[in-house]
Amino acid sequence: MDTERPSPRYSDIDVWDPSDIVEAMIEGQFTAVAAVMAARHALVRAALVAESRLRVGGRLVYVGAGTSGRLAVQDGAELMPTFSWPQDRLLLLIAGGKDALLQSVEGAEDAVDQAIRLVQQHNIGVNDVLIAVAASGTTPFTVSCLTEARRRGALTIGIANNRDTPILQKADYPVWLDTGAEPIAGSTRMKAGTAQRITLNIFSSLVMILLGRVYNGLMVDLQAVNKKLVQRSERILKRLTGCSGEQACEALRQANGNLKLAVLLLHGCDFNDAKGVLDRAGGQLRAALTAIGKSSTANLNDLTHEVPASLIPST
């Protein structure tokens, strides 16, 4: 396996000048980016099929062990605050459980029986999308999760850094990241890990865009769970509608923090109408605006005539 073999290029790295070591490791990061670029078509195909499953209510399931598992869990965990991806439609399975997020759990990646039980316990099946990540492509826990999930009808996507390995062979949609040998042989937290992180980030972001959770390049489904994100929500709303800060605050209050609903409220809908239009549009703000006859941008002077009186602060 390429990720495990020592490379002549780095055979005496421990006696190099520190600046040369740093340059070599940075060079490896560019290799990781190039590997993702080479896999972009496979990534797009996987995302398009995943979107169709998730649109009908399926779950996103991330699976991995060790470094790969931690990277997978991190990507999945970020979907909730960034895109308001529902907690009950996200499943994060890492060999060794939560303890493995902070430390190595001995023997966890070999726990084949536990992997099968987890897939069965969580009733993973049709409509669900399982993303299995392993640099080696052979990790027993990860391969077993993928195999059992596919047997039960789930869509499976395998991400690995070694060619023709079980994860790639058994997945419905394999994504091979050709990162080659590491500067420190077998340390897949380096080039392989970087390529996995980029791939997961791009895949999940693309799927969320396809699902309508991004509009005009903005996070219109973010969860305003802290002061910074509340302020970001207000800025997004002002940018999309041209409203004042006061109007943005009031619209978000009436919409219970839902940015998409707030946009529709500022375009003259009442709450129930806005919710109905958005539901019929499948959560797609662009489609909802089209349905009520509004363009994607608004001029401030035009908008002030449309904003309901309840959203215009009294003077």
C-alpha atoms as a PDB file:
ATOM      1  CA  MET A   1       0.000   0.000   0.000  1.00  0.00           C
ATOM      2  CA  ASP A   2       1.378   3.367  -1.043  1.00  0.00           C
ATOM      3  CA  THR A   3       0.388   5.068   2.208  1.00  0.00           C
ATOM      4  CA  GLU A   4       2.482   2.570   4.184  1.00  0.00           C
ATOM      5  CA  ARG A   5       5.629   2.262   2.081  1.00  0.00           C
ATOM      6  CA  PRO A   6       8.765   4.229   2.980  1.00  0.00           C
ATOM      7  CA  SER A   7       9.728   6.723   0.290  1.00  0.00           C
ATOM      8  CA  PRO A   8      13.359   7.175  -0.827  1.00  0.00           C
ATOM      9  CA  ARG A   9      12.499  10.852  -1.180  1.00  0.00           C
ATOM     10  CA  TYR A  10      12.195  11.185   2.618  1.00  0.00           C
ATOM     11  CA  SER A  11      14.539   8.414   3.801  1.00  0.00           C
ATOM     12  CA  ASP A  12      16.891  10.746   5.666  1.00  0.00           C
ATOM     13  CA  ILE A  13      14.371  13.449   6.593  1.00  0.00           C
ATOM     14  CA  ASP A  14      15.412  13.284  10.247  1.00  0.00           C
ATOM     15  CA  VAL A  15      18.833  14.768   9.418  1.00  0.00           C
ATOM     16  CA  TRP A  16      17.596  17.500   7.092  1.00  0.00           C
ATOM     17  CA  ASP A  17      17.679  21.156   7.933  1.00  0.00           C
ATOM     18  CA  PRO A  18      14.379  22.100   9.616  1.00  0.00           C
ATOM     19  CA  SER A  19      13.483  24.526   6.832  1.00  0.00           C
ATOM     20  CA  ASP A  20      13.896  21.720   4.274  1.00  0.00           C
ATOM     21  CA  ILE A  21      11.665  19.451   6.352  1.00  0.00           C
ATOM     22  CA  VAL A  22       8.950  22.098   6.437  1.00  0.00           C
ATOM     23  CA  GLU A  23       9.210  22.698   2.687  1.00  0.00           C
ATOM     24  CA  ALA A  24       8.931  18.962   1.996  1.00  0.00           C
ATOM     25  CA  MET A  25       5.851  18.618   4.187  1.00  0.00           C
ATOM     26  CA  ILE A  26       4.201  21.644   2.565  1.00  0.00           C
ATOM     27  CA  GLU A  27       4.982  20.101  -0.799  1.00  0.00           C
ATOM     28  CA  GLY A  28       3.085  17.038   0.395  1.00  0.00           C
ATOM     29  CA  GLN A  29       0.029  19.166   1.123  1.00  0.00           C
ATOM     30  CA  PHE A  30      -0.024  20.327  -2.483  1.00  0.00           C
ATOM     31  CA  THR A  31       0.037  16.655  -3.471  1.00  0.00           C
ATOM     32  CA  ALA A  32      -3.055  16.149  -1.325  1.00  0.00           C
ATOM     33  CA  VAL A  33      -4.890  18.965  -3.100  1.00  0.00           C
ATOM     34  CA  ALA A  34      -3.884  17.529  -6.492  1.00  0.00           C
ATOM     35  CA  ALA A  35      -5.246  14.126  -5.456  1.00  0.00           C
ATOM     36  CA  VAL A  36      -8.646  15.644  -4.686  1.00  0.00           C
ATOM     37  CA  MET A  37      -8.643  17.493  -7.994  1.00  0.00           C
ATOM     38  CA  ALA A  38      -7.979  14.222  -9.811  1.00  0.00           C
ATOM     39  CA  ALA A  39     -10.940  12.622  -8.001  1.00  0.00           C
ATOM     40  CA  ARG A  40     -13.362  15.505  -8.628  1.00  0.00           C
ATOM     41  CA  HIS A  41     -15.533  13.700 -11.181  1.00  0.00           C
ATOM     42  CA  ALA A  42     -16.088  10.750  -8.841  1.00  0.00           C
ATOM     43  CA  LEU A  43     -16.890  13.238  -6.097  1.00  0.00           C
ATOM     44  CA  VAL A  44     -19.516  15.017  -8.204  1.00  0.00           C
ATOM     45  CA  ARG A  45     -21.181  11.737  -9.215  1.00  0.00           C
ATOM     46  CA  ALA A  46     -21.395  10.638  -5.582  1.00  0.00           C
ATOM     47  CA  ALA A  47     -22.829  13.969  -4.443  1.00  0.00           C
ATOM     48  CA  LEU A  48     -25.529  14.028  -7.115  1.00  0.00           C
ATOM     49  CA  VAL A  49     -26.812  10.594  -6.164  1.00  0.00           C
ATOM     50  CA  ALA A  50     -26.538  11.367  -2.438  1.00  0.00           C
ATOM     51  CA  GLU A  51     -28.623  14.518  -2.901  1.00  0.00           C
ATOM     52  CA  SER A  52     -31.467  12.567  -4.484  1.00  0.00           C
ATOM     53  CA  ARG A  53     -31.569  10.158  -1.524  1.00  0.00           C
ATOM     54  CA  LEU A  54     -31.334  12.872   1.107  1.00  0.00           C
ATOM     55  CA  ARG A  55     -34.049  14.957  -0.516  1.00  0.00           C
ATOM     56  CA  VAL A  56     -36.603  12.301   0.408  1.00  0.00           C
ATOM     57  CA  GLY A  57     -35.642  12.235   4.075  1.00  0.00           C
ATOM     58  CA  GLY A  58     -32.578  10.028   4.246  1.00  0.00           C
ATOM     59  CA  ARG A  59     -29.781  10.303   6.779  1.00  0.00           C
ATOM     60  CA  LEU A  60     -26.114  11.139   6.342  1.00  0.00           C
ATOM     61  CA  VAL A  61     -23.930   8.517   8.009  1.00  0.00           C
ATOM     62  CA  TYR A  62     -20.198   9.038   8.504  1.00  0.00           C
ATOM     63  CA  VAL A  63     -18.002   6.035   9.303  1.00  0.00           C
ATOM     64  CA  GLY A  64     -14.308   5.718  10.093  1.00  0.00           C
ATOM     65  CA  ALA A  65     -11.590   4.737  12.536  1.00  0.00           C
ATOM     66  CA  GLY A  66      -8.606   6.597  13.937  1.00  0.00           C
ATOM     67  CA  THR A  67      -7.582   9.747  12.062  1.00  0.00           C
ATOM     68  CA  SER A  68     -10.041   9.068   9.251  1.00  0.00           C
ATOM     69  CA  GLY A  69     -12.862   8.597  11.745  1.00  0.00           C
ATOM     70  CA  ARG A  70     -12.065  11.822  13.554  1.00  0.00           C
ATOM     71  CA  LEU A  71     -11.986  13.739  10.272  1.00  0.00           C
ATOM     72  CA  ALA A  72     -15.314  12.219   9.264  1.00  0.00           C
ATOM     73  CA  VAL A  73     -16.942  13.059  12.589  1.00  0.00           C
ATOM     74  CA  GLN A  74     -15.638  16.623  12.410  1.00  0.00           C
ATOM     75  CA  ASP A  75     -17.144  17.158   8.965  1.00  0.00           C
ATOM     76  CA  GLY A  76     -20.491  15.743  10.019  1.00  0.00           C
ATOM     77  CA  ALA A  77     -20.629  17.751  13.248  1.00  0.00           C
ATOM     78  CA  GLU A  78     -20.174  21.004  11.320  1.00  0.00           C
ATOM     79  CA  LEU A  79     -23.273  20.433   9.183  1.00  0.00           C
ATOM     80  CA  MET A  80     -25.699  21.323  11.968  1.00  0.00           C
ATOM     81  CA  PRO A  81     -24.565  24.884  12.796  1.00  0.00           C
ATOM     82  CA  THR A  82     -23.584  25.715   9.205  1.00  0.00           C
ATOM     83  CA  PHE A  83     -26.544  24.301   7.295  1.00  0.00           C
ATOM     84  CA  SER A  84     -29.087  23.421  10.016  1.00  0.00           C
ATOM     85  CA  TRP A  85     -28.811  19.789   9.003  1.00  0.00           C
ATOM     86  CA  PRO A  86     -31.198  17.966  11.392  1.00  0.00           C
ATOM     87  CA  GLN A  87     -29.612  16.093  14.285  1.00  0.00           C
ATOM     88  CA  ASP A  88     -31.904  13.123  13.710  1.00  0.00           C
ATOM     89  CA  ARG A  89     -30.673  12.829  10.134  1.00  0.00           C
ATOM     90  CA  LEU A  90     -26.990  12.658  11.036  1.00  0.00           C
ATOM     91  CA  LEU A  91     -25.203   9.580  12.315  1.00  0.00           C
ATOM     92  CA  LEU A  92     -21.506   9.591  13.262  1.00  0.00           C
ATOM     93  CA  LEU A  93     -19.935   6.161  13.724  1.00  0.00           C
ATOM     94  CA  ILE A  94     -16.305   5.979  14.814  1.00  0.00           C
ATOM     95  CA  ALA A  95     -14.560   2.788  15.891  1.00  0.00           C
ATOM     96  CA  GLY A  96     -14.234   2.871  19.664  1.00  0.00           C
ATOM     97  CA  GLY A  97     -17.076   5.350  20.139  1.00  0.00           C
ATOM     98  CA  LYS A  98     -16.751   8.826  21.650  1.00  0.00           C
ATOM     99  CA  ASP A  99     -13.576   7.890  23.549  1.00  0.00           C
ATOM    100  CA  ALA A 100     -11.812   7.474  20.194  1.00  0.00           C
ATOM    101  CA  LEU A 101     -12.334  11.154  19.402  1.00  0.00           C
ATOM    102  CA  LEU A 102      -9.700  12.146  21.962  1.00  0.00           C
ATOM    103  CA  GLN A 103      -7.415   9.123  22.127  1.00  0.00           C
ATOM    104  CA  SER A 104      -6.578   5.866  20.419  1.00  0.00           C
ATOM    105  CA  VAL A 105      -8.816   2.969  21.443  1.00  0.00           C
ATOM    106  CA  GLU A 106      -6.870  -0.289  21.226  1.00  0.00           C
ATOM    107  CA  GLY A 107      -8.322  -2.836  18.832  1.00  0.00           C
ATOM    108  CA  ALA A 108     -11.319  -0.682  17.901  1.00  0.00           C
ATOM    109  CA  GLU A 109     -10.640  -0.662  14.177  1.00  0.00           C
ATOM    110  CA  ASP A 110     -10.731  -4.469  14.102  1.00  0.00           C
ATOM    111  CA  ALA A 111     -14.177  -4.711  15.748  1.00  0.00           C
ATOM    112  CA  VAL A 112     -16.084  -6.226  12.820  1.00  0.00           C
ATOM    113  CA  ASP A 113     -18.974  -7.579  14.909  1.00  0.00           C
ATOM    114  CA  GLN A 114     -19.512  -4.221  16.570  1.00  0.00           C
ATOM    115  CA  ALA A 115     -19.583  -2.520  13.171  1.00  0.00           C
ATOM    116  CA  ILE A 116     -22.328  -4.816  11.920  1.00  0.00           C
ATOM    117  CA  ARG A 117     -24.320  -4.392  15.141  1.00  0.00           C
ATOM    118  CA  LEU A 118     -24.126  -0.590  14.879  1.00  0.00           C
ATOM    119  CA  VAL A 119     -25.488  -0.600  11.339  1.00  0.00           C
ATOM    120  CA  GLN A 120     -28.328  -2.903  12.372  1.00  0.00           C
ATOM    121  CA  GLN A 121     -28.993  -1.060  15.643  1.00  0.00           C
ATOM    122  CA  HIS A 122     -29.399   2.265  13.819  1.00  0.00           C
ATOM    123  CA  ASN A 123     -31.475   0.612  11.102  1.00  0.00           C
ATOM    124  CA  ILE A 124     -29.334   2.030   8.304  1.00  0.00           C
ATOM    125  CA  GLY A 125     -30.948   1.290   4.969  1.00  0.00           C
ATOM    126  CA  VAL A 126     -32.706   2.641   1.896  1.00  0.00           C
ATOM    127  CA  ASN A 127     -32.578   6.465   1.579  1.00  0.00           C
ATOM    128  CA  ASP A 128     -29.567   6.654   3.901  1.00  0.00           C
ATOM    129  CA  VAL A 129     -26.167   7.745   2.567  1.00  0.00           C
ATOM    130  CA  LEU A 130     -23.125   6.209   4.232  1.00  0.00           C
ATOM    131  CA  ILE A 131     -19.672   7.742   3.744  1.00  0.00           C
ATOM    132  CA  ALA A 132     -16.858   5.398   4.741  1.00  0.00           C
ATOM    133  CA  VAL A 133     -13.342   6.838   5.079  1.00  0.00           C
ATOM    134  CA  ALA A 134     -10.062   4.954   5.525  1.00  0.00           C
ATOM    135  CA  ALA A 135      -6.617   5.873   4.234  1.00  0.00           C
ATOM    136  CA  SER A 136      -5.603   2.232   3.913  1.00  0.00           C
ATOM    137  CA  GLY A 137      -8.921   1.240   2.365  1.00  0.00           C
ATOM    138  CA  THR A 138      -8.817  -1.959   4.411  1.00  0.00           C
ATOM    139  CA  THR A 139      -9.862  -1.006   7.966  1.00  0.00           C
ATOM    140  CA  PRO A 140     -12.084  -3.903   9.131  1.00  0.00           C
ATOM    141  CA  PHE A 141     -14.534  -1.769  11.164  1.00  0.00           C
ATOM    142  CA  THR A 142     -15.076   0.672   8.305  1.00  0.00           C
ATOM    143  CA  VAL A 143     -15.293  -1.978   5.596  1.00  0.00           C
ATOM    144  CA  SER A 144     -17.808  -3.969   7.665  1.00  0.00           C
ATOM    145  CA  CYS A 145     -20.020  -0.910   8.241  1.00  0.00           C
ATOM    146  CA  LEU A 146     -19.997  -0.143   4.537  1.00  0.00           C
ATOM    147  CA  THR A 147     -20.676  -3.732   3.477  1.00  0.00           C
ATOM    148  CA  GLU A 148     -23.578  -4.219   5.903  1.00  0.00           C
ATOM    149  CA  ALA A 149     -25.109  -0.847   5.044  1.00  0.00           C
ATOM    150  CA  ARG A 150     -24.958  -1.615   1.328  1.00  0.00           C
ATOM    151  CA  ARG A 151     -26.525  -5.025   1.938  1.00  0.00           C
ATOM    152  CA  ARG A 152     -29.415  -3.223   3.635  1.00  0.00           C
ATOM    153  CA  GLY A 153     -29.931  -0.897   0.671  1.00  0.00           C
ATOM    154  CA  ALA A 154     -28.057   2.242   1.752  1.00  0.00           C
ATOM    155  CA  LEU A 155     -26.106   4.302  -0.769  1.00  0.00           C
ATOM    156  CA  THR A 156     -22.424   3.813   0.047  1.00  0.00           C
ATOM    157  CA  ILE A 157     -19.524   6.118  -0.757  1.00  0.00           C
ATOM    158  CA  GLY A 158     -15.997   4.896  -0.075  1.00  0.00           C
ATOM    159  CA  ILE A 159     -13.030   7.253   0.322  1.00  0.00           C
ATOM    160  CA  ALA A 160      -9.542   5.726   0.454  1.00  0.00           C
ATOM    161  CA  ASN A 161      -5.944   6.573  -0.398  1.00  0.00           C
ATOM    162  CA  ASN A 162      -4.895   3.183  -1.765  1.00  0.00           C
ATOM    163  CA  ARG A 163      -6.102   1.867  -5.100  1.00  0.00           C
ATOM    164  CA  ASP A 164      -8.257  -1.268  -5.522  1.00  0.00           C
ATOM    165  CA  THR A 165      -8.764  -1.762  -1.800  1.00  0.00           C
ATOM    166  CA  PRO A 166     -11.927  -3.237  -0.190  1.00  0.00           C
ATOM    167  CA  ILE A 167     -13.566   0.108   0.632  1.00  0.00           C
ATOM    168  CA  LEU A 168     -13.284   1.208  -2.986  1.00  0.00           C
ATOM    169  CA  GLN A 169     -14.262  -2.197  -4.365  1.00  0.00           C
ATOM    170  CA  LYS A 170     -17.348  -2.568  -2.179  1.00  0.00           C
ATOM    171  CA  ALA A 171     -18.686   1.017  -2.317  1.00  0.00           C
ATOM    172  CA  ASP A 172     -21.385   2.078  -4.772  1.00  0.00           C
ATOM    173  CA  TYR A 173     -19.361   5.217  -5.426  1.00  0.00           C
ATOM    174  CA  PRO A 174     -15.614   4.895  -4.780  1.00  0.00           C
ATOM    175  CA  VAL A 175     -13.394   7.981  -4.426  1.00  0.00           C
ATOM    176  CA  TRP A 176      -9.687   7.206  -4.703  1.00  0.00           C
ATOM    177  CA  LEU A 177      -7.292   9.862  -3.404  1.00  0.00           C
ATOM    178  CA  ASP A 178      -3.844   9.129  -4.822  1.00  0.00           C
ATOM    179  CA  THR A 179      -1.620  10.816  -2.238  1.00  0.00           C
ATOM    180  CA  GLY A 180       1.214   8.270  -2.393  1.00  0.00           C
ATOM    181  CA  ALA A 181       3.844   7.716   0.278  1.00  0.00           C
ATOM    182  CA  GLU A 182       3.974   9.965   3.333  1.00  0.00           C
ATOM    183  CA  PRO A 183       6.999  12.029   4.439  1.00  0.00           C
ATOM    184  CA  ILE A 184       6.829   9.919   7.599  1.00  0.00           C
ATOM    185  CA  ALA A 185       5.985   6.424   6.371  1.00  0.00           C
ATOM    186  CA  GLY A 186       2.505   5.317   7.410  1.00  0.00           C
ATOM    187  CA  SER A 187       1.586   8.626   9.071  1.00  0.00           C
ATOM    188  CA  THR A 188      -1.658   9.131   7.196  1.00  0.00           C
ATOM    189  CA  ARG A 189      -2.537  12.151   9.328  1.00  0.00           C
ATOM    190  CA  MET A 190      -0.364  14.023   6.821  1.00  0.00           C
ATOM    191  CA  LYS A 191      -1.034  13.959   3.055  1.00  0.00           C
ATOM    192  CA  ALA A 192      -3.761  11.322   3.200  1.00  0.00           C
ATOM    193  CA  GLY A 193      -5.532  13.103   6.047  1.00  0.00           C
ATOM    194  CA  THR A 194      -5.435  16.455   4.295  1.00  0.00           C
ATOM    195  CA  ALA A 195      -6.896  14.950   1.119  1.00  0.00           C
ATOM    196  CA  GLN A 196      -9.662  13.280   3.130  1.00  0.00           C
ATOM    197  CA  ARG A 197     -10.494  16.511   4.945  1.00  0.00           C
ATOM    198  CA  ILE A 198     -10.752  18.432   1.671  1.00  0.00           C
ATOM    199  CA  THR A 199     -12.835  15.702   0.065  1.00  0.00           C
ATOM    200  CA  LEU A 200     -15.294  15.489   2.945  1.00  0.00           C
ATOM    201  CA  ASN A 201     -15.587  19.270   3.102  1.00  0.00           C
ATOM    202  CA  ILE A 202     -16.250  19.594  -0.619  1.00  0.00           C
ATOM    203  CA  PHE A 203     -18.636  16.643  -0.731  1.00  0.00           C
ATOM    204  CA  SER A 204     -20.827  17.791   2.153  1.00  0.00           C
ATOM    205  CA  SER A 205     -20.798  21.418   1.002  1.00  0.00           C
ATOM    206  CA  LEU A 206     -21.789  20.412  -2.536  1.00  0.00           C
ATOM    207  CA  VAL A 207     -24.626  18.247  -1.237  1.00  0.00           C
ATOM    208  CA  MET A 208     -25.911  21.096   0.944  1.00  0.00           C
ATOM    209  CA  ILE A 209     -25.793  23.492  -2.014  1.00  0.00           C
ATOM    210  CA  LEU A 210     -27.735  20.996  -4.140  1.00  0.00           C
ATOM    211  CA  LEU A 211     -30.299  20.702  -1.339  1.00  0.00           C
ATOM    212  CA  GLY A 212     -30.865  24.480  -1.362  1.00  0.00           C
ATOM    213  CA  ARG A 213     -29.148  25.243   1.928  1.00  0.00           C
ATOM    214  CA  VAL A 214     -26.990  27.902   0.269  1.00  0.00           C
ATOM    215  CA  TYR A 215     -28.382  30.912  -1.614  1.00  0.00           C
ATOM    216  CA  ASN A 216     -26.360  33.581  -3.413  1.00  0.00           C
ATOM    217  CA  GLY A 217     -23.255  32.114  -1.803  1.00  0.00           C
ATOM    218  CA  LEU A 218     -24.662  32.661   1.696  1.00  0.00           C
ATOM    219  CA  MET A 219     -25.491  30.268   4.555  1.00  0.00           C
ATOM    220  CA  VAL A 220     -29.244  30.834   4.569  1.00  0.00           C
ATOM    221  CA  ASP A 221     -29.821  27.775   6.766  1.00  0.00           C
ATOM    222  CA  LEU A 222     -27.301  28.540   9.503  1.00  0.00           C
ATOM    223  CA  GLN A 223     -28.300  28.097  13.142  1.00  0.00           C
ATOM    224  CA  ALA A 224     -27.783  31.331  15.082  1.00  0.00           C
ATOM    225  CA  VAL A 225     -26.633  29.644  18.273  1.00  0.00           C
ATOM    226  CA  ASN A 226     -24.384  32.453  19.504  1.00  0.00           C
ATOM    227  CA  LYS A 227     -24.004  36.213  19.257  1.00  0.00           C
ATOM    228  CA  LYS A 228     -21.604  36.022  16.298  1.00  0.00           C
ATOM    229  CA  LEU A 229     -24.024  33.909  14.277  1.00  0.00           C
ATOM    230  CA  VAL A 230     -26.982  36.122  15.203  1.00  0.00           C
ATOM    231  CA  GLN A 231     -25.076  39.061  13.790  1.00  0.00           C
ATOM    232  CA  ARG A 232     -24.169  37.046  10.699  1.00  0.00           C
ATOM    233  CA  SER A 233     -27.847  36.200  10.187  1.00  0.00           C
ATOM    234  CA  GLU A 234     -28.721  39.887  10.336  1.00  0.00           C
ATOM    235  CA  ARG A 235     -25.983  40.771   7.832  1.00  0.00           C
ATOM    236  CA  ILE A 236     -27.133  38.054   5.453  1.00  0.00           C
ATOM    237  CA  LEU A 237     -30.729  39.243   5.656  1.00  0.00           C
ATOM    238  CA  LYS A 238     -29.720  42.864   5.033  1.00  0.00           C
ATOM    239  CA  ARG A 239     -27.609  41.798   2.056  1.00  0.00           C
ATOM    240  CA  LEU A 240     -30.391  39.706   0.514  1.00  0.00           C
ATOM    241  CA  THR A 241     -33.227  42.173   0.979  1.00  0.00           C
ATOM    242  CA  GLY A 242     -31.723  45.624   1.469  1.00  0.00           C
ATOM    243  CA  CYS A 243     -33.639  46.041   4.728  1.00  0.00           C
ATOM    244  CA  SER A 244     -32.422  48.003   7.742  1.00  0.00           C
ATOM    245  CA  GLY A 245     -30.833  46.429  10.781  1.00  0.00           C
ATOM    246  CA  GLU A 246     -34.017  46.974  12.793  1.00  0.00           C
ATOM    247  CA  GLN A 247     -36.152  45.334  10.120  1.00  0.00           C
ATOM    248  CA  ALA A 248     -33.744  42.386   9.957  1.00  0.00           C
ATOM    249  CA  CYS A 249     -33.920  41.875  13.727  1.00  0.00           C
ATOM    250  CA  GLU A 250     -37.707  41.996  13.742  1.00  0.00           C
ATOM    251  CA  ALA A 251     -38.086  39.686  10.755  1.00  0.00           C
ATOM    252  CA  LEU A 252     -35.736  37.134  12.316  1.00  0.00           C
ATOM    253  CA  ARG A 253     -37.658  37.363  15.590  1.00  0.00           C
ATOM    254  CA  GLN A 254     -40.970  36.708  13.833  1.00  0.00           C
ATOM    255  CA  ALA A 255     -39.390  33.880  11.818  1.00  0.00           C
ATOM    256  CA  ASN A 256     -37.957  32.271  14.967  1.00  0.00           C
ATOM    257  CA  GLY A 257     -34.441  32.784  13.570  1.00  0.00           C
ATOM    258  CA  ASN A 258     -35.199  31.099  10.220  1.00  0.00           C
ATOM    259  CA  LEU A 259     -33.400  33.185   7.596  1.00  0.00           C
ATOM    260  CA  LYS A 260     -35.379  31.887   4.628  1.00  0.00           C
ATOM    261  CA  LEU A 261     -38.694  32.629   6.291  1.00  0.00           C
ATOM    262  CA  ALA A 262     -37.398  36.067   7.290  1.00  0.00           C
ATOM    263  CA  VAL A 263     -36.587  36.848   3.645  1.00  0.00           C
ATOM    264  CA  LEU A 264     -40.122  35.911   2.627  1.00  0.00           C
ATOM    265  CA  LEU A 265     -41.614  37.964   5.463  1.00  0.00           C
ATOM    266  CA  LEU A 266     -39.682  40.969   4.226  1.00  0.00           C
ATOM    267  CA  HIS A 267     -41.137  40.368   0.773  1.00  0.00           C
ATOM    268  CA  GLY A 268     -44.656  40.750   2.129  1.00  0.00           C
ATOM    269  CA  CYS A 269     -45.660  37.218   3.141  1.00  0.00           C
ATOM    270  CA  ASP A 270     -47.170  36.476   6.518  1.00  0.00           C
ATOM    271  CA  PHE A 271     -45.629  33.678   8.550  1.00  0.00           C
ATOM    272  CA  ASN A 272     -48.006  30.882   7.506  1.00  0.00           C
ATOM    273  CA  ASP A 273     -47.870  31.827   3.829  1.00  0.00           C
ATOM    274  CA  ALA A 274     -44.083  32.025   3.936  1.00  0.00           C
ATOM    275  CA  LYS A 275     -43.828  28.617   5.557  1.00  0.00           C
ATOM    276  CA  GLY A 276     -46.227  27.101   3.037  1.00  0.00           C
ATOM    277  CA  VAL A 277     -44.402  28.564   0.047  1.00  0.00           C
ATOM    278  CA  LEU A 278     -41.036  27.412   1.376  1.00  0.00           C
ATOM    279  CA  ASP A 279     -42.339  23.906   2.089  1.00  0.00           C
ATOM    280  CA  ARG A 280     -43.789  23.608  -1.406  1.00  0.00           C
ATOM    281  CA  ALA A 281     -40.455  24.781  -2.816  1.00  0.00           C
ATOM    282  CA  GLY A 282     -38.661  21.967  -1.008  1.00  0.00           C
ATOM    283  CA  GLY A 283     -36.787  24.445   1.164  1.00  0.00           C
ATOM    284  CA  GLN A 284     -35.274  26.162  -1.891  1.00  0.00           C
ATOM    285  CA  LEU A 285     -35.327  29.914  -1.271  1.00  0.00           C
ATOM    286  CA  ARG A 286     -34.747  30.756  -4.931  1.00  0.00           C
ATOM    287  CA  ALA A 287     -37.756  28.671  -5.957  1.00  0.00           C
ATOM    288  CA  ALA A 288     -39.861  30.179  -3.151  1.00  0.00           C
ATOM    289  CA  LEU A 289     -39.044  33.732  -4.294  1.00  0.00           C
ATOM    290  CA  THR A 290     -39.926  32.804  -7.844  1.00  0.00           C
ATOM    291  CA  ALA A 291     -43.233  31.384  -6.620  1.00  0.00           C
ATOM    292  CA  ILE A 292     -44.211  34.699  -5.031  1.00  0.00           C
ATOM    293  CA  GLY A 293     -42.983  36.658  -8.047  1.00  0.00           C
ATOM    294  CA  LYS A 294     -39.888  38.192  -6.498  1.00  0.00           C
ATOM    295  CA  SER A 295     -36.382  38.387  -7.916  1.00  0.00           C
ATOM    296  CA  SER A 296     -33.328  37.216  -6.003  1.00  0.00           C
ATOM    297  CA  THR A 297     -32.203  40.775  -5.262  1.00  0.00           C
ATOM    298  CA  ALA A 298     -34.055  43.830  -4.061  1.00  0.00           C
ATOM    299  CA  ASN A 299     -33.502  47.551  -4.176  1.00  0.00           C
ATOM    300  CA  LEU A 300     -33.803  49.233  -0.796  1.00  0.00           C
ATOM    301  CA  ASN A 301     -36.128  51.943  -2.105  1.00  0.00           C
ATOM    302  CA  ASP A 302     -38.425  49.364  -3.683  1.00  0.00           C
ATOM    303  CA  LEU A 303     -38.350  47.114  -0.650  1.00  0.00           C
ATOM    304  CA  THR A 304     -39.581  49.661   1.854  1.00  0.00           C
ATOM    305  CA  HIS A 305     -42.929  49.663   0.077  1.00  0.00           C
ATOM    306  CA  GLU A 306     -43.204  45.877   0.442  1.00  0.00           C
ATOM    307  CA  VAL A 307     -42.174  45.371   4.049  1.00  0.00           C
ATOM    308  CA  PRO A 308     -45.200  44.662   6.240  1.00  0.00           C
ATOM    309  CA  ALA A 309     -45.946  47.408   8.748  1.00  0.00           C
ATOM    310  CA  SER A 310     -45.135  45.057  11.601  1.00  0.00           C
ATOM    311  CA  LEU A 311     -41.543  44.879  10.381  1.00  0.00           C
ATOM    312  CA  ILE A 312     -41.017  48.627  10.033  1.00  0.00           C
ATOM    313  CA  PRO A 313     -39.851  50.206  13.306  1.00  0.00           C
ATOM    314  CA  SER A 314     -41.980  53.062  14.492  1.00  0.00           C
ATOM    315  CA  THR A 315     -40.388  56.513  14.555  1.00  0.00           C
END
